[in-house]
Protein backbone atom coordinates (compact mmCIF):
# COMPACT_ATOMS: atom_id res chain seq x y z
CA MET A 1 21.52 -4.29 -3.29
CA GLU A 2 18.25 -2.41 -3.57
CA HIS A 3 16.24 -2.55 -6.81
CA TYR A 4 13.57 0.13 -7.09
CA ILE A 5 10.71 0.26 -9.58
CA ILE A 6 8.99 3.65 -9.45
CA VAL A 7 5.82 4.04 -11.51
CA LYS A 8 3.32 6.68 -12.47
CA PHE A 9 -0.08 5.37 -13.49
CA ASN A 10 -1.75 6.60 -16.66
CA ALA A 11 -3.44 9.99 -16.48
CA GLY A 12 -7.20 9.69 -16.21
CA LEU A 13 -7.24 6.73 -13.84
CA THR A 14 -9.44 7.34 -10.83
CA ALA A 15 -8.23 6.97 -7.25
CA GLU A 16 -10.31 3.80 -7.03
CA GLN A 17 -8.66 2.34 -10.15
CA LYS A 18 -5.22 3.18 -8.77
CA THR A 19 -6.12 1.45 -5.50
CA GLU A 20 -7.29 -1.63 -7.39
CA LEU A 21 -4.09 -1.69 -9.44
CA THR A 22 -1.99 -1.33 -6.30
CA THR A 23 -3.84 -4.23 -4.67
CA SER A 24 -3.23 -6.38 -7.75
CA ILE A 25 0.44 -5.39 -7.92
CA ARG A 26 0.88 -6.28 -4.24
CA ALA A 27 -0.77 -9.64 -4.90
CA LEU A 28 1.55 -10.38 -7.82
CA PHE A 29 4.73 -9.42 -5.97
CA SER A 30 3.65 -11.37 -2.87
CA GLN A 31 3.89 -14.51 -5.01
CA VAL A 32 7.54 -13.89 -5.95
CA THR A 33 9.30 -16.57 -3.93
CA GLY A 34 12.11 -19.01 -4.38
CA ILE A 35 14.50 -16.69 -6.22
CA PRO A 36 17.90 -17.28 -4.61
CA GLY A 37 19.29 -14.05 -3.18
CA LEU A 38 15.97 -12.18 -3.12
CA SER A 39 15.26 -11.38 0.52
CA GLU A 40 12.46 -8.79 0.61
CA ILE A 41 9.90 -7.03 -1.56
CA ARG A 42 7.96 -4.00 -0.34
CA VAL A 43 5.34 -1.95 -2.17
CA PHE A 44 4.84 1.69 -1.18
CA ARG A 45 2.02 4.03 -2.23
CA ASN A 46 2.73 7.71 -2.63
CA CYS A 47 1.11 9.83 0.08
CA ILE A 48 1.28 13.14 -1.83
CA HIS A 49 -1.03 13.17 -4.83
CA ASN A 50 0.32 15.93 -7.03
CA PRO A 51 0.52 15.64 -10.81
CA ASN A 52 4.32 15.73 -10.74
CA ARG A 53 4.57 12.75 -8.38
CA SER A 54 4.85 9.03 -9.08
CA ASP A 55 2.15 6.77 -7.67
CA LEU A 56 3.93 3.65 -6.49
CA MET A 57 7.36 2.34 -5.56
CA ILE A 58 8.42 -1.29 -5.39
CA ARG A 59 11.61 -1.96 -3.43
CA MET A 60 13.31 -5.30 -3.80
CA THR A 61 16.25 -6.21 -1.56
CA MET A 62 18.46 -8.78 -3.23
CA GLU A 63 21.91 -9.96 -4.12
CA ARG A 64 23.13 -8.65 -7.49
CA ASP A 65 22.81 -12.09 -9.13
CA ALA A 66 19.15 -12.32 -8.13
CA LEU A 67 18.19 -9.43 -10.41
CA GLU A 68 18.87 -11.45 -13.54
CA LEU A 69 16.88 -14.37 -12.11
CA PHE A 70 13.95 -12.05 -11.39
CA ASP A 71 14.18 -10.46 -14.86
CA GLN A 72 13.90 -13.94 -16.42
CA SER A 73 11.04 -15.05 -14.17
CA ALA A 74 7.39 -15.58 -15.05
CA TRP A 75 6.50 -12.94 -12.43
CA HIS A 76 8.52 -10.28 -14.24
CA LYS A 77 6.88 -11.21 -17.54
CA GLN A 78 3.44 -11.04 -15.90
CA TRP A 79 4.31 -7.66 -14.31
CA LYS A 80 5.17 -6.18 -17.70
CA GLU A 81 2.23 -7.72 -19.58
CA GLN A 82 -0.48 -7.18 -16.97
CA PHE A 83 0.48 -3.75 -15.65
CA GLY A 84 2.57 -2.18 -18.41
CA PRO A 85 -0.52 -0.81 -20.23
CA PHE A 86 -1.51 1.14 -17.07
CA LEU A 87 1.86 2.86 -16.64
CA GLU A 88 2.55 6.31 -18.00
CA ALA A 89 6.15 6.21 -16.77
CA LYS A 90 8.50 3.80 -15.06
CA THR A 91 11.91 4.44 -13.49
CA ILE A 92 14.29 1.69 -12.48
CA PHE A 93 16.99 2.46 -9.93
CA ASP A 94 19.55 0.10 -8.43
CA CYS A 95 21.93 0.92 -5.60
CA GLN A 96 24.40 -0.76 -3.34
CA SER A 97 25.03 0.74 0.09
CA SER A 98 28.56 1.87 0.77
CA GLU A 99 30.32 4.11 3.25
CA GLU A 100 29.69 7.06 0.92
CA ASP A 101 25.94 6.47 1.00
CA GLY A 102 23.51 7.14 3.77
CA VAL A 103 22.58 10.09 5.91
CA ILE A 104 24.22 13.34 4.86
CA SER A 105 22.06 15.63 6.97
CA GLN A 106 19.73 15.13 9.86
CA GLY A 107 16.98 17.47 10.92
CA GLN A 108 15.53 17.86 14.36
CA THR A 109 11.97 17.06 15.36
CA ARG A 110 10.07 18.80 18.08
């Protein structure tokens, strides 16, 4: 399953502050190890900086049972305490790939 955390930083933060936060978030999530069933964590920065866009997406690839283990972990507690005050909005999205999911249209490149 894929567990996504999509965040928008507080309004008024400078680009430099957002970069520093992103670096710190990457450092925290790079320490998340040893949770059975958690296979990969990736942190993505948004490349389009419009006011209606989120700033960061964390994608965690895991077995369903690993989510509860992560939610109970010290890393999750630190994530909420350390970075929560800097987040204007947060969206959590979980999905499991199935035959119904995936590519529904494919464009052509030149």
